Amino acid sequence: MMKFILPLLSFLIGNAKGLIKEPAEAFSLQLAMRVRSLTTLLVAVIGSLALGCVGLSLFIASIAAQLDKNEEFHVSAGMVVYLGLTVVALGVLVYSLRSKTWMKSLGFEEKPQQTTSSGSGKRSGALENAVALLVMDYIDERKNRREEKHHQS
């Protein structure tokens, strides 16, 4: 049982480097970051929904308790705290349910539009740079192989 719990716990805490082999480390770390951000977002949605419901129900219960008494109605400190809890929880819920928040947690951040006065067009992104580096590495490797074959013959 502990064989399954320890890797899961180390993954959730963030110490999964020992479980990941060298070639797939970058991909696995990116995946782990996305899973953690999505998990955090889901916990925020569910937690704020629960706290909003609890705060609202306690607020309604305190109003009902005031109305049950034959005394004058007055706002108590508990009502203010319950209403504040509800408002904060609903604010977190609204922020968590925005599409920009979900896209950011998935890694699709909106980049601000930059106007280039030189007219050089778009700047190359990280993906283009990575592909260019891979192609250049492949070309260098083939060139080295040709030189080795040339020297051996």
N, C-alpha and C. Protein backbone atom coordinates (compact mmCIF):
# COMPACT_ATOMS: atom_id res chain seq x y z
N MET A 1 0.83 -1.19 0.00
CA MET A 1 0.00 0.00 0.00
C MET A 1 0.87 1.25 0.00
N MET A 2 1.96 1.23 0.76
CA MET A 2 2.84 2.40 0.84
C MET A 2 3.59 2.61 -0.48
N LYS A 3 3.75 1.54 -1.30
CA LYS A 3 4.41 1.67 -2.58
C LYS A 3 3.63 2.60 -3.51
N PHE A 4 2.31 2.61 -3.34
CA PHE A 4 1.47 3.44 -4.19
C PHE A 4 1.26 4.83 -3.62
N ILE A 5 1.26 4.94 -2.30
CA ILE A 5 0.97 6.23 -1.65
C ILE A 5 2.17 7.16 -1.71
N LEU A 6 3.38 6.66 -1.50
CA LEU A 6 4.57 7.52 -1.49
C LEU A 6 4.84 8.20 -2.84
N PRO A 7 4.78 7.50 -3.98
CA PRO A 7 4.97 8.22 -5.25
C PRO A 7 3.87 9.25 -5.51
N LEU A 8 2.63 8.92 -5.15
CA LEU A 8 1.54 9.87 -5.33
C LEU A 8 1.73 11.09 -4.45
N LEU A 9 2.14 10.87 -3.21
CA LEU A 9 2.37 11.98 -2.30
C LEU A 9 3.54 12.84 -2.76
N SER A 10 4.62 12.20 -3.22
CA SER A 10 5.77 12.98 -3.71
C SER A 10 5.41 13.74 -4.98
N PHE A 11 4.52 13.19 -5.80
CA PHE A 11 4.07 13.89 -7.00
C PHE A 11 3.26 15.12 -6.63
N LEU A 12 2.35 14.99 -5.69
CA LEU A 12 1.51 16.11 -5.31
C LEU A 12 2.30 17.19 -4.57
N ILE A 13 3.29 16.80 -3.81
CA ILE A 13 4.10 17.79 -3.09
C ILE A 13 5.06 18.48 -4.04
N GLY A 14 5.54 17.77 -5.04
CA GLY A 14 6.43 18.40 -6.00
C GLY A 14 7.82 17.80 -6.04
N ASN A 15 8.06 16.72 -5.34
CA ASN A 15 9.37 16.08 -5.33
C ASN A 15 9.37 14.83 -6.19
N ALA A 16 8.89 14.95 -7.40
CA ALA A 16 8.78 13.78 -8.27
C ALA A 16 10.03 13.58 -9.13
N LYS A 17 11.10 14.32 -8.90
CA LYS A 17 12.29 14.21 -9.73
C LYS A 17 12.92 12.83 -9.66
N GLY A 18 12.85 12.19 -8.50
CA GLY A 18 13.43 10.87 -8.36
C GLY A 18 12.67 9.80 -9.12
N LEU A 19 11.41 10.07 -9.43
CA LEU A 19 10.59 9.09 -10.13
C LEU A 19 10.68 9.24 -11.64
N ILE A 20 11.20 10.35 -12.11
CA ILE A 20 11.19 10.66 -13.53
C ILE A 20 12.58 10.44 -14.12
N LYS A 21 12.65 9.75 -15.23
CA LYS A 21 13.92 9.52 -15.89
C LYS A 21 14.32 10.77 -16.68
N GLU A 22 15.59 10.84 -17.03
CA GLU A 22 16.18 12.04 -17.64
C GLU A 22 15.50 12.50 -18.93
N PRO A 23 15.26 11.64 -19.94
CA PRO A 23 14.72 12.16 -21.21
C PRO A 23 13.31 12.74 -21.09
N ALA A 24 12.50 12.17 -20.24
CA ALA A 24 11.11 12.62 -20.13
C ALA A 24 10.91 13.60 -18.99
N GLU A 25 11.97 14.08 -18.41
CA GLU A 25 11.83 14.94 -17.23
C GLU A 25 11.13 16.25 -17.53
N ALA A 26 11.50 16.90 -18.61
CA ALA A 26 10.89 18.20 -18.94
C ALA A 26 9.40 18.05 -19.21
N PHE A 27 9.04 17.04 -20.00
CA PHE A 27 7.64 16.81 -20.30
C PHE A 27 6.86 16.47 -19.04
N SER A 28 7.42 15.62 -18.21
CA SER A 28 6.74 15.21 -16.99
C SER A 28 6.58 16.36 -16.01
N LEU A 29 7.59 17.21 -15.92
CA LEU A 29 7.47 18.38 -15.03
C LEU A 29 6.41 19.34 -15.52
N GLN A 30 6.32 19.55 -16.84
CA GLN A 30 5.27 20.40 -17.39
C GLN A 30 3.90 19.81 -17.11
N LEU A 31 3.78 18.50 -17.30
CA LEU A 31 2.52 17.83 -17.03
C LEU A 31 2.15 17.94 -15.56
N ALA A 32 3.14 17.76 -14.69
CA ALA A 32 2.89 17.88 -13.25
C ALA A 32 2.43 19.29 -12.88
N MET A 33 3.05 20.30 -13.48
CA MET A 33 2.65 21.68 -13.19
C MET A 33 1.22 21.93 -13.64
N ARG A 34 0.85 21.42 -14.81
CA ARG A 34 -0.52 21.62 -15.30
C ARG A 34 -1.54 20.88 -14.43
N VAL A 35 -1.19 19.66 -14.03
CA VAL A 35 -2.11 18.89 -13.18
C VAL A 35 -2.28 19.59 -11.82
N ARG A 36 -1.17 20.10 -11.27
CA ARG A 36 -1.27 20.81 -9.98
C ARG A 36 -2.10 22.07 -10.10
N SER A 37 -1.91 22.82 -11.18
CA SER A 37 -2.69 24.06 -11.32
C SER A 37 -4.16 23.75 -11.54
N LEU A 38 -4.47 22.71 -12.31
CA LEU A 38 -5.87 22.33 -12.48
C LEU A 38 -6.47 21.82 -11.17
N THR A 39 -5.69 21.05 -10.41
CA THR A 39 -6.18 20.56 -9.13
C THR A 39 -6.44 21.72 -8.17
N THR A 40 -5.53 22.68 -8.14
CA THR A 40 -5.72 23.86 -7.29
C THR A 40 -6.96 24.63 -7.71
N LEU A 41 -7.17 24.76 -9.00
CA LEU A 41 -8.34 25.48 -9.49
C LEU A 41 -9.63 24.75 -9.14
N LEU A 42 -9.63 23.43 -9.30
CA LEU A 42 -10.82 22.66 -8.94
C LEU A 42 -11.11 22.72 -7.45
N VAL A 43 -10.06 22.68 -6.63
CA VAL A 43 -10.25 22.79 -5.18
C VAL A 43 -10.80 24.17 -4.83
N ALA A 44 -10.31 25.20 -5.51
CA ALA A 44 -10.82 26.56 -5.26
C ALA A 44 -12.29 26.66 -5.64
N VAL A 45 -12.69 26.06 -6.75
CA VAL A 45 -14.09 26.11 -7.18
C VAL A 45 -14.98 25.37 -6.19
N ILE A 46 -14.59 24.15 -5.85
CA ILE A 46 -15.41 23.34 -4.95
C ILE A 46 -15.43 23.95 -3.54
N GLY A 47 -14.29 24.41 -3.06
CA GLY A 47 -14.22 25.01 -1.73
C GLY A 47 -15.00 26.30 -1.64
N SER A 48 -14.90 27.16 -2.65
CA SER A 48 -15.65 28.41 -2.60
C SER A 48 -17.14 28.15 -2.74
N LEU A 49 -17.52 27.16 -3.51
CA LEU A 49 -18.93 26.81 -3.61
C LEU A 49 -19.46 26.31 -2.26
N ALA A 50 -18.69 25.47 -1.60
CA ALA A 50 -19.11 24.96 -0.29
C ALA A 50 -19.16 26.07 0.76
N LEU A 51 -18.11 26.92 0.80
CA LEU A 51 -18.10 28.01 1.77
C LEU A 51 -19.20 29.02 1.49
N GLY A 52 -19.51 29.26 0.22
CA GLY A 52 -20.60 30.17 -0.12
C GLY A 52 -21.94 29.63 0.35
N CYS A 53 -22.15 28.33 0.16
CA CYS A 53 -23.40 27.72 0.62
C CYS A 53 -23.51 27.74 2.14
N VAL A 54 -22.40 27.43 2.82
CA VAL A 54 -22.41 27.45 4.29
C VAL A 54 -22.64 28.86 4.81
N GLY A 55 -21.94 29.84 4.23
CA GLY A 55 -22.11 31.22 4.67
C GLY A 55 -23.52 31.72 4.45
N LEU A 56 -24.09 31.40 3.29
CA LEU A 56 -25.45 31.83 3.00
C LEU A 56 -26.46 31.16 3.91
N SER A 57 -26.28 29.87 4.17
CA SER A 57 -27.23 29.18 5.05
C SER A 57 -27.13 29.69 6.49
N LEU A 58 -25.92 29.97 6.97
CA LEU A 58 -25.79 30.54 8.31
C LEU A 58 -26.36 31.95 8.38
N PHE A 59 -26.19 32.73 7.30
CA PHE A 59 -26.77 34.07 7.25
C PHE A 59 -28.29 34.00 7.31
N ILE A 60 -28.87 33.09 6.55
CA ILE A 60 -30.34 32.92 6.56
C ILE A 60 -30.80 32.41 7.92
N ALA A 61 -30.04 31.51 8.53
CA ALA A 61 -30.42 30.99 9.85
C ALA A 61 -30.37 32.08 10.90
N SER A 62 -29.38 32.98 10.83
CA SER A 62 -29.31 34.06 11.82
C SER A 62 -30.42 35.07 11.61
N ILE A 63 -30.81 35.32 10.36
CA ILE A 63 -31.96 36.20 10.11
C ILE A 63 -33.24 35.55 10.63
N ALA A 64 -33.40 34.25 10.41
CA ALA A 64 -34.59 33.54 10.89
C ALA A 64 -34.64 33.54 12.41
N ALA A 65 -33.48 33.41 13.05
CA ALA A 65 -33.46 33.44 14.52
C ALA A 65 -33.86 34.82 15.03
N GLN A 66 -33.44 35.88 14.34
CA GLN A 66 -33.83 37.24 14.73
C GLN A 66 -35.33 37.44 14.54
N LEU A 67 -35.87 36.91 13.46
CA LEU A 67 -37.29 37.11 13.19
C LEU A 67 -38.18 36.28 14.11
N ASP A 68 -37.66 35.16 14.63
CA ASP A 68 -38.44 34.33 15.54
C ASP A 68 -38.65 35.01 16.89
N LYS A 69 -37.72 35.86 17.26
CA LYS A 69 -37.86 36.56 18.53
C LYS A 69 -38.88 37.69 18.36
N ASN A 70 -39.52 38.01 19.41
CA ASN A 70 -40.51 39.09 19.36
C ASN A 70 -39.87 40.44 19.64
N GLU A 71 -38.57 40.51 19.47
CA GLU A 71 -37.85 41.75 19.73
C GLU A 71 -37.63 42.51 18.43
N GLU A 72 -37.00 43.64 18.56
CA GLU A 72 -36.67 44.46 17.42
C GLU A 72 -35.54 43.79 16.61
N PHE A 73 -35.60 43.88 15.28
CA PHE A 73 -34.58 43.27 14.42
C PHE A 73 -33.34 44.15 14.41
N HIS A 74 -32.19 43.55 14.62
CA HIS A 74 -30.93 44.27 14.53
C HIS A 74 -29.88 43.34 13.89
N VAL A 75 -28.93 43.97 13.23
CA VAL A 75 -27.87 43.23 12.55
C VAL A 75 -26.81 42.86 13.57
N SER A 76 -26.51 41.58 13.65
CA SER A 76 -25.50 41.13 14.61
C SER A 76 -24.16 40.95 13.91
N ALA A 77 -23.13 40.77 14.72
CA ALA A 77 -21.80 40.56 14.17
C ALA A 77 -21.72 39.25 13.39
N GLY A 78 -22.44 38.25 13.84
CA GLY A 78 -22.46 36.97 13.14
C GLY A 78 -23.02 37.11 11.73
N MET A 79 -24.07 37.91 11.60
CA MET A 79 -24.66 38.13 10.27
C MET A 79 -23.65 38.76 9.32
N VAL A 80 -22.90 39.73 9.82
CA VAL A 80 -21.90 40.40 8.99
C VAL A 80 -20.81 39.42 8.57
N VAL A 81 -20.36 38.59 9.52
CA VAL A 81 -19.33 37.60 9.21
C VAL A 81 -19.84 36.59 8.19
N TYR A 82 -21.06 36.10 8.35
CA TYR A 82 -21.62 35.12 7.42
C TYR A 82 -21.82 35.73 6.04
N LEU A 83 -22.29 36.96 6.01
CA LEU A 83 -22.47 37.63 4.72
C LEU A 83 -21.12 37.90 4.05
N GLY A 84 -20.12 38.29 4.84
CA GLY A 84 -18.78 38.49 4.30
C GLY A 84 -18.18 37.20 3.75
N LEU A 85 -18.37 36.10 4.47
CA LEU A 85 -17.90 34.80 4.01
C LEU A 85 -18.56 34.43 2.69
N THR A 86 -19.84 34.69 2.59
CA THR A 86 -20.56 34.39 1.35
C THR A 86 -20.06 35.23 0.19
N VAL A 87 -19.86 36.52 0.43
CA VAL A 87 -19.41 37.41 -0.64
C VAL A 87 -17.99 37.04 -1.10
N VAL A 88 -17.10 36.77 -0.17
CA VAL A 88 -15.73 36.39 -0.54
C VAL A 88 -15.73 35.06 -1.29
N ALA A 89 -16.50 34.11 -0.82
CA ALA A 89 -16.55 32.80 -1.49
C ALA A 89 -17.14 32.93 -2.88
N LEU A 90 -18.16 33.75 -3.06
CA LEU A 90 -18.73 33.94 -4.39
C LEU A 90 -17.76 34.69 -5.31
N GLY A 91 -16.99 35.61 -4.75
CA GLY A 91 -15.97 36.29 -5.54
C GLY A 91 -14.90 35.32 -6.05
N VAL A 92 -14.45 34.43 -5.17
CA VAL A 92 -13.46 33.42 -5.57
C VAL A 92 -14.07 32.46 -6.60
N LEU A 93 -15.34 32.13 -6.43
CA LEU A 93 -16.02 31.25 -7.37
C LEU A 93 -16.12 31.89 -8.75
N VAL A 94 -16.49 33.16 -8.80
CA VAL A 94 -16.60 33.85 -10.08
C VAL A 94 -15.23 33.94 -10.75
N TYR A 95 -14.19 34.28 -9.98
CA TYR A 95 -12.84 34.35 -10.55
C TYR A 95 -12.39 32.98 -11.03
N SER A 96 -12.69 31.94 -10.29
CA SER A 96 -12.24 30.60 -10.66
C SER A 96 -12.96 30.06 -11.88
N LEU A 97 -14.17 30.51 -12.12
CA LEU A 97 -14.94 29.98 -13.25
C LEU A 97 -14.75 30.77 -14.54
N ARG A 98 -13.92 31.81 -14.51
CA ARG A 98 -13.66 32.56 -15.73
C ARG A 98 -12.87 31.71 -16.72
N SER A 99 -13.11 31.90 -17.99
CA SER A 99 -12.40 31.10 -18.99
C SER A 99 -10.92 31.46 -19.03
N LYS A 100 -10.57 32.72 -18.76
CA LYS A 100 -9.16 33.10 -18.77
C LYS A 100 -8.39 32.38 -17.67
N THR A 101 -9.02 32.18 -16.52
CA THR A 101 -8.35 31.48 -15.42
C THR A 101 -8.09 30.03 -15.79
N TRP A 102 -9.05 29.38 -16.42
CA TRP A 102 -8.87 27.99 -16.83
C TRP A 102 -7.83 27.88 -17.93
N MET A 103 -7.85 28.80 -18.88
CA MET A 103 -6.86 28.76 -19.96
C MET A 103 -5.46 29.01 -19.42
N LYS A 104 -5.35 29.89 -18.45
CA LYS A 104 -4.03 30.16 -17.85
C LYS A 104 -3.52 28.92 -17.11
N SER A 105 -4.40 28.21 -16.42
CA SER A 105 -3.96 27.02 -15.69
C SER A 105 -3.57 25.89 -16.64
N LEU A 106 -4.13 25.91 -17.85
CA LEU A 106 -3.76 24.91 -18.85
C LEU A 106 -2.52 25.31 -19.65
N GLY A 107 -2.06 26.55 -19.45
CA GLY A 107 -0.84 27.00 -20.12
C GLY A 107 -1.08 27.80 -21.37
N PHE A 108 -2.32 28.17 -21.64
CA PHE A 108 -2.65 28.97 -22.82
C PHE A 108 -2.86 30.42 -22.42
N GLU A 109 -1.77 31.06 -22.01
CA GLU A 109 -1.87 32.45 -21.58
C GLU A 109 -1.98 33.36 -22.80
N GLU A 110 -2.81 34.39 -22.65
CA GLU A 110 -2.92 35.37 -23.73
C GLU A 110 -1.72 36.30 -23.66
N LYS A 111 -1.06 36.44 -24.78
CA LYS A 111 0.08 37.34 -24.83
C LYS A 111 -0.41 38.68 -25.35
N PRO A 112 0.05 39.76 -24.76
CA PRO A 112 -0.42 41.07 -25.21
C PRO A 112 0.06 41.34 -26.64
N GLN A 113 -0.80 42.00 -27.39
CA GLN A 113 -0.46 42.34 -28.76
C GLN A 113 0.61 43.43 -28.76
N GLN A 114 1.73 43.15 -29.38
CA GLN A 114 2.80 44.13 -29.44
C GLN A 114 2.87 44.69 -30.85
N THR A 115 2.89 45.99 -30.95
CA THR A 115 3.02 46.61 -32.26
C THR A 115 4.50 46.82 -32.54
N THR A 116 4.92 46.37 -33.70
CA THR A 116 6.32 46.51 -34.07
C THR A 116 6.43 47.66 -35.04
N SER A 117 7.19 48.65 -34.68
CA SER A 117 7.34 49.82 -35.53
C SER A 117 8.31 49.57 -36.67
N SER A 118 9.16 48.56 -36.54
CA SER A 118 10.15 48.29 -37.58
C SER A 118 9.57 47.48 -38.73
N GLY A 119 8.38 46.92 -38.54
CA GLY A 119 7.72 46.17 -39.61
C GLY A 119 8.34 44.81 -39.84
N SER A 120 9.01 44.27 -38.85
CA SER A 120 9.68 42.97 -39.03
C SER A 120 8.71 41.81 -38.88
N GLY A 121 7.47 42.07 -38.57
CA GLY A 121 6.49 40.99 -38.45
C GLY A 121 6.45 40.43 -37.05
N LYS A 122 6.03 39.14 -36.98
CA LYS A 122 5.89 38.50 -35.66
C LYS A 122 7.23 38.08 -35.12
N ARG A 123 7.32 38.04 -33.82
CA ARG A 123 8.51 37.46 -33.18
C ARG A 123 8.31 35.96 -33.11
N SER A 124 9.40 35.23 -33.21
CA SER A 124 9.27 33.78 -33.15
C SER A 124 9.01 33.37 -31.72
N GLY A 125 8.16 32.39 -31.57
CA GLY A 125 7.79 31.92 -30.25
C GLY A 125 8.74 30.86 -29.74
N ALA A 126 8.45 30.37 -28.57
CA ALA A 126 9.30 29.36 -27.94
C ALA A 126 9.27 28.04 -28.71
N LEU A 127 8.11 27.72 -29.27
CA LEU A 127 7.99 26.47 -30.02
C LEU A 127 8.83 26.51 -31.29
N GLU A 128 8.80 27.65 -31.99
CA GLU A 128 9.62 27.76 -33.20
C GLU A 128 11.09 27.68 -32.85
N ASN A 129 11.49 28.31 -31.75
CA ASN A 129 12.89 28.25 -31.32
C ASN A 129 13.31 26.83 -30.99
N ALA A 130 12.43 26.10 -30.31
CA ALA A 130 12.75 24.72 -29.95
C ALA A 130 12.89 23.85 -31.20
N VAL A 131 11.99 24.03 -32.16
CA VAL A 131 12.07 23.24 -33.39
C VAL A 131 13.34 23.60 -34.17
N ALA A 132 13.66 24.90 -34.22
CA ALA A 132 14.87 25.33 -34.91
C ALA A 132 16.12 24.73 -34.26
N LEU A 133 16.15 24.72 -32.93
CA LEU A 133 17.30 24.13 -32.24
C LEU A 133 17.41 22.63 -32.51
N LEU A 134 16.26 21.93 -32.54
CA LEU A 134 16.30 20.50 -32.85
C LEU A 134 16.80 20.25 -34.26
N VAL A 135 16.36 21.05 -35.22
CA VAL A 135 16.81 20.88 -36.60
C VAL A 135 18.30 21.16 -36.72
N MET A 136 18.76 22.23 -36.07
CA MET A 136 20.19 22.57 -36.13
C MET A 136 21.03 21.48 -35.47
N ASP A 137 20.54 20.91 -34.37
CA ASP A 137 21.25 19.82 -33.70
C ASP A 137 21.34 18.60 -34.61
N TYR A 138 20.26 18.31 -35.31
CA TYR A 138 20.25 17.18 -36.24
C TYR A 138 21.23 17.40 -37.39
N ILE A 139 21.26 18.62 -37.92
CA ILE A 139 22.19 18.95 -39.01
C ILE A 139 23.63 18.82 -38.54
N ASP A 140 23.93 19.34 -37.35
CA ASP A 140 25.29 19.23 -36.81
C ASP A 140 25.69 17.78 -36.60
N GLU A 141 24.76 16.98 -36.12
CA GLU A 141 25.05 15.56 -35.88
C GLU A 141 25.36 14.85 -37.19
N ARG A 142 24.59 15.12 -38.23
CA ARG A 142 24.84 14.50 -39.54
C ARG A 142 26.17 14.96 -40.12
N LYS A 143 26.49 16.25 -39.92
CA LYS A 143 27.77 16.77 -40.42
C LYS A 143 28.93 16.07 -39.72
N ASN A 144 28.80 15.87 -38.40
CA ASN A 144 29.85 15.17 -37.65
C ASN A 144 30.01 13.73 -38.12
N ARG A 145 28.90 13.07 -38.42
CA ARG A 145 28.97 11.69 -38.91
C ARG A 145 29.68 11.62 -40.26
N ARG A 146 29.37 12.58 -41.15
CA ARG A 146 30.03 12.60 -42.46
C ARG A 146 31.54 12.82 -42.30
N GLU A 147 31.91 13.72 -41.40
CA GLU A 147 33.34 13.97 -41.19
C GLU A 147 34.04 12.75 -40.64
N GLU A 148 33.36 12.03 -39.72
CA GLU A 148 33.96 10.81 -39.18
C GLU A 148 34.13 9.75 -40.27
N LYS A 149 33.14 9.61 -41.15
CA LYS A 149 33.25 8.64 -42.24
C LYS A 149 34.36 9.05 -43.21
N HIS A 150 34.49 10.35 -43.43
CA HIS A 150 35.51 10.86 -44.34
C HIS A 150 36.90 10.60 -43.77
N HIS A 151 37.07 10.78 -42.47
CA HIS A 151 38.37 10.56 -41.84
C HIS A 151 38.71 9.08 -41.73
N GLN A 152 37.69 8.22 -41.61
CA GLN A 152 37.94 6.80 -41.50
C GLN A 152 38.35 6.18 -42.84
N SER A 153 37.88 6.77 -43.95
CA SER A 153 38.22 6.17 -45.24
C SER A 153 39.52 6.62 -45.79
